Amino acid sequence: MQNSERIKQLLMYYFLIISPLFLLVYCVKHDLISDNGFLVLFLGYIPYRYLTDYYRLTSKGVIGKKDYLKVINPFSTSKYFRELYWL
């Protein structure tokens, strides 16, 4: 895979994991959601994040499709830090 394609994929990954947080902060700042709504959406972000990490690791071939339990543990994703956040 070319370097430019890898950079595009990495930027898309960063966009996918950061944009929901920006949207959540924007909604809270402009009083579009309540405190309970914020809590529900923030707790919903956690499984979303596990899914995006799982998808990134499987697309790079680091883990197999049946190894989804490796990503659910928050401490196990630190094991794959380089594969998730670097080219």
N, C-alpha and C. Protein backbone atom coordinates (compact mmCIF):
# COMPACT_ATOMS: atom_id res chain seq x y z
N MET A 1 0.85 -1.17 0.00
CA MET A 1 0.00 0.00 0.00
C MET A 1 0.89 1.24 0.00
N GLN A 2 0.49 2.22 -0.76
CA GLN A 2 1.28 3.43 -0.86
C GLN A 2 1.14 4.28 0.39
N ASN A 3 2.14 5.11 0.59
CA ASN A 3 2.14 5.98 1.77
C ASN A 3 0.98 6.96 1.76
N SER A 4 0.62 7.49 0.60
CA SER A 4 -0.48 8.46 0.54
C SER A 4 -1.80 7.79 0.93
N GLU A 5 -1.99 6.54 0.54
CA GLU A 5 -3.19 5.81 0.92
C GLU A 5 -3.22 5.54 2.42
N ARG A 6 -2.09 5.21 2.97
CA ARG A 6 -2.01 5.00 4.43
C ARG A 6 -2.32 6.28 5.20
N ILE A 7 -1.82 7.39 4.70
CA ILE A 7 -2.08 8.68 5.36
C ILE A 7 -3.56 9.02 5.29
N LYS A 8 -4.19 8.76 4.14
CA LYS A 8 -5.63 9.00 4.01
C LYS A 8 -6.43 8.15 5.01
N GLN A 9 -6.05 6.88 5.12
CA GLN A 9 -6.75 6.00 6.06
C GLN A 9 -6.54 6.44 7.50
N LEU A 10 -5.34 6.87 7.83
CA LEU A 10 -5.05 7.33 9.19
C LEU A 10 -5.83 8.61 9.51
N LEU A 11 -5.89 9.54 8.57
CA LEU A 11 -6.65 10.76 8.79
C LEU A 11 -8.14 10.47 8.92
N MET A 12 -8.64 9.52 8.14
CA MET A 12 -10.05 9.14 8.25
C MET A 12 -10.31 8.51 9.62
N TYR A 13 -9.40 7.70 10.10
CA TYR A 13 -9.55 7.09 11.42
C TYR A 13 -9.58 8.17 12.50
N TYR A 14 -8.65 9.12 12.43
CA TYR A 14 -8.66 10.21 13.40
C TYR A 14 -9.96 11.00 13.33
N PHE A 15 -10.45 11.26 12.14
CA PHE A 15 -11.71 11.97 11.98
C PHE A 15 -12.86 11.20 12.62
N LEU A 16 -12.88 9.88 12.41
CA LEU A 16 -13.96 9.07 12.94
C LEU A 16 -13.95 8.97 14.46
N ILE A 17 -12.77 9.04 15.08
CA ILE A 17 -12.75 8.92 16.54
C ILE A 17 -12.87 10.26 17.24
N ILE A 18 -12.54 11.36 16.56
CA ILE A 18 -12.55 12.67 17.22
C ILE A 18 -13.84 13.45 16.93
N SER A 19 -14.38 13.32 15.74
CA SER A 19 -15.55 14.13 15.37
C SER A 19 -16.77 13.92 16.28
N PRO A 20 -17.08 12.70 16.75
CA PRO A 20 -18.21 12.58 17.67
C PRO A 20 -18.00 13.36 18.97
N LEU A 21 -16.77 13.44 19.43
CA LEU A 21 -16.50 14.20 20.65
C LEU A 21 -16.70 15.70 20.42
N PHE A 22 -16.23 16.19 19.28
CA PHE A 22 -16.45 17.60 18.96
C PHE A 22 -17.94 17.90 18.84
N LEU A 23 -18.67 17.01 18.21
CA LEU A 23 -20.11 17.20 18.08
C LEU A 23 -20.78 17.19 19.45
N LEU A 24 -20.34 16.32 20.32
CA LEU A 24 -20.90 16.25 21.67
C LEU A 24 -20.61 17.52 22.46
N VAL A 25 -19.39 18.03 22.37
CA VAL A 25 -19.04 19.27 23.06
C VAL A 25 -19.83 20.44 22.49
N TYR A 26 -20.01 20.48 21.18
CA TYR A 26 -20.79 21.54 20.55
C TYR A 26 -22.23 21.53 21.06
N CYS A 27 -22.82 20.35 21.13
CA CYS A 27 -24.21 20.23 21.60
C CYS A 27 -24.35 20.65 23.05
N VAL A 28 -23.37 20.33 23.87
CA VAL A 28 -23.43 20.73 25.28
C VAL A 28 -23.24 22.23 25.41
N LYS A 29 -22.32 22.79 24.66
CA LYS A 29 -22.02 24.22 24.75
C LYS A 29 -23.22 25.07 24.34
N HIS A 30 -23.97 24.60 23.36
CA HIS A 30 -25.12 25.35 22.86
C HIS A 30 -26.44 24.86 23.45
N ASP A 31 -26.38 24.12 24.53
CA ASP A 31 -27.56 23.62 25.25
C ASP A 31 -28.53 22.88 24.34
N LEU A 32 -28.00 22.05 23.45
CA LEU A 32 -28.85 21.26 22.57
C LEU A 32 -29.23 19.92 23.20
N ILE A 33 -28.47 19.49 24.20
CA ILE A 33 -28.79 18.26 24.92
C ILE A 33 -28.69 18.53 26.41
N SER A 34 -29.40 17.71 27.18
CA SER A 34 -29.37 17.85 28.63
C SER A 34 -28.16 17.11 29.20
N ASP A 35 -28.02 17.20 30.51
CA ASP A 35 -26.91 16.49 31.17
C ASP A 35 -27.07 14.98 31.02
N ASN A 36 -28.30 14.50 31.15
CA ASN A 36 -28.54 13.06 30.98
C ASN A 36 -28.28 12.63 29.54
N GLY A 37 -28.66 13.47 28.60
CA GLY A 37 -28.39 13.17 27.20
C GLY A 37 -26.90 13.10 26.92
N PHE A 38 -26.15 14.01 27.53
CA PHE A 38 -24.70 13.98 27.39
C PHE A 38 -24.13 12.67 27.92
N LEU A 39 -24.61 12.25 29.09
CA LEU A 39 -24.11 11.02 29.69
C LEU A 39 -24.42 9.82 28.82
N VAL A 40 -25.62 9.75 28.30
CA VAL A 40 -26.01 8.63 27.44
C VAL A 40 -25.17 8.61 26.17
N LEU A 41 -25.00 9.76 25.54
CA LEU A 41 -24.21 9.81 24.31
C LEU A 41 -22.74 9.53 24.57
N PHE A 42 -22.22 10.01 25.69
CA PHE A 42 -20.82 9.75 26.00
C PHE A 42 -20.60 8.27 26.28
N LEU A 43 -21.52 7.64 26.99
CA LEU A 43 -21.41 6.19 27.23
C LEU A 43 -21.61 5.40 25.95
N GLY A 44 -22.37 5.94 25.01
CA GLY A 44 -22.52 5.31 23.71
C GLY A 44 -21.27 5.44 22.85
N TYR A 45 -20.45 6.43 23.17
CA TYR A 45 -19.19 6.62 22.43
C TYR A 45 -18.21 5.49 22.71
N ILE A 46 -18.27 4.92 23.88
CA ILE A 46 -17.31 3.87 24.27
C ILE A 46 -17.42 2.64 23.35
N PRO A 47 -18.61 2.05 23.15
CA PRO A 47 -18.67 0.93 22.20
C PRO A 47 -18.35 1.35 20.77
N TYR A 48 -18.72 2.58 20.41
CA TYR A 48 -18.37 3.09 19.08
C TYR A 48 -16.86 3.10 18.90
N ARG A 49 -16.17 3.52 19.90
CA ARG A 49 -14.71 3.58 19.84
C ARG A 49 -14.10 2.19 19.73
N TYR A 50 -14.65 1.24 20.49
CA TYR A 50 -14.16 -0.14 20.38
C TYR A 50 -14.37 -0.68 18.97
N LEU A 51 -15.51 -0.36 18.37
CA LEU A 51 -15.78 -0.84 17.02
C LEU A 51 -14.83 -0.21 16.00
N THR A 52 -14.55 1.08 16.13
CA THR A 52 -13.63 1.70 15.18
C THR A 52 -12.21 1.16 15.35
N ASP A 53 -11.80 0.93 16.60
CA ASP A 53 -10.48 0.33 16.82
C ASP A 53 -10.42 -1.08 16.25
N TYR A 54 -11.46 -1.85 16.47
CA TYR A 54 -11.52 -3.22 15.93
C TYR A 54 -11.45 -3.20 14.40
N TYR A 55 -12.22 -2.33 13.79
CA TYR A 55 -12.22 -2.25 12.33
C TYR A 55 -10.84 -1.87 11.81
N ARG A 56 -10.20 -0.92 12.45
CA ARG A 56 -8.87 -0.49 12.00
C ARG A 56 -7.85 -1.62 12.13
N LEU A 57 -7.88 -2.32 13.26
CA LEU A 57 -6.92 -3.41 13.46
C LEU A 57 -7.17 -4.57 12.51
N THR A 58 -8.43 -4.89 12.23
CA THR A 58 -8.70 -5.98 11.28
C THR A 58 -8.37 -5.57 9.86
N SER A 59 -8.60 -4.31 9.51
CA SER A 59 -8.28 -3.88 8.14
C SER A 59 -6.78 -3.84 7.90
N LYS A 60 -6.02 -3.61 8.96
CA LYS A 60 -4.56 -3.64 8.82
C LYS A 60 -3.99 -5.05 8.94
N GLY A 61 -4.84 -6.01 9.31
CA GLY A 61 -4.39 -7.39 9.43
C GLY A 61 -3.66 -7.69 10.72
N VAL A 62 -3.80 -6.84 11.71
CA VAL A 62 -3.11 -7.04 13.00
C VAL A 62 -3.81 -8.11 13.82
N ILE A 63 -5.14 -8.09 13.82
CA ILE A 63 -5.91 -9.12 14.50
C ILE A 63 -6.89 -9.73 13.52
N GLY A 64 -7.37 -10.92 13.84
CA GLY A 64 -8.34 -11.59 12.99
C GLY A 64 -9.75 -11.12 13.30
N LYS A 65 -10.68 -11.48 12.43
CA LYS A 65 -12.07 -11.06 12.63
C LYS A 65 -12.69 -11.69 13.86
N LYS A 66 -12.19 -12.82 14.30
CA LYS A 66 -12.74 -13.49 15.48
C LYS A 66 -12.11 -13.00 16.78
N ASP A 67 -11.16 -12.10 16.70
CA ASP A 67 -10.45 -11.61 17.88
C ASP A 67 -11.03 -10.32 18.43
N TYR A 68 -12.34 -10.15 18.33
CA TYR A 68 -12.96 -8.89 18.78
C TYR A 68 -12.85 -8.71 20.29
N LEU A 69 -12.70 -9.79 21.04
CA LEU A 69 -12.58 -9.66 22.50
C LEU A 69 -11.26 -9.01 22.91
N LYS A 70 -10.27 -9.05 22.04
CA LYS A 70 -8.99 -8.40 22.35
C LYS A 70 -9.12 -6.88 22.40
N VAL A 71 -10.10 -6.34 21.72
CA VAL A 71 -10.25 -4.89 21.64
C VAL A 71 -11.16 -4.36 22.74
N ILE A 72 -12.02 -5.19 23.28
CA ILE A 72 -12.97 -4.73 24.29
C ILE A 72 -12.27 -4.33 25.58
N ASN A 73 -11.23 -5.02 25.95
CA ASN A 73 -10.47 -4.68 27.15
C ASN A 73 -9.70 -3.38 26.90
N PRO A 74 -9.95 -2.33 27.70
CA PRO A 74 -9.29 -1.04 27.43
C PRO A 74 -7.76 -1.11 27.52
N PHE A 75 -7.24 -2.00 28.33
CA PHE A 75 -5.80 -2.09 28.47
C PHE A 75 -5.15 -2.84 27.32
N SER A 76 -5.92 -3.65 26.62
CA SER A 76 -5.35 -4.39 25.50
C SER A 76 -5.12 -3.50 24.29
N THR A 77 -5.90 -2.41 24.17
CA THR A 77 -5.68 -1.52 23.02
C THR A 77 -4.37 -0.77 23.14
N SER A 78 -3.85 -0.63 24.36
CA SER A 78 -2.53 0.00 24.50
C SER A 78 -1.45 -0.90 23.90
N LYS A 79 -1.72 -2.18 23.84
CA LYS A 79 -0.79 -3.12 23.19
C LYS A 79 -0.68 -2.84 21.70
N TYR A 80 -1.78 -2.35 21.11
CA TYR A 80 -1.82 -2.06 19.68
C TYR A 80 -1.72 -0.57 19.38
N PHE A 81 -1.15 0.18 20.29
CA PHE A 81 -1.09 1.63 20.15
C PHE A 81 -0.43 2.05 18.84
N ARG A 82 0.69 1.46 18.53
CA ARG A 82 1.43 1.83 17.32
C ARG A 82 0.61 1.52 16.06
N GLU A 83 -0.05 0.39 16.04
CA GLU A 83 -0.83 0.02 14.86
C GLU A 83 -2.07 0.92 14.70
N LEU A 84 -2.61 1.40 15.82
CA LEU A 84 -3.81 2.24 15.73
C LEU A 84 -3.49 3.69 15.33
N TYR A 85 -2.45 4.25 15.90
CA TYR A 85 -2.24 5.69 15.75
C TYR A 85 -1.07 6.09 14.85
N TRP A 86 -0.37 5.14 14.31
CA TRP A 86 0.72 5.43 13.40
C TRP A 86 0.44 4.76 12.07
N LEU A 87 1.22 5.10 11.09
CA LEU A 87 1.05 4.51 9.76
C LEU A 87 1.37 3.04 9.84
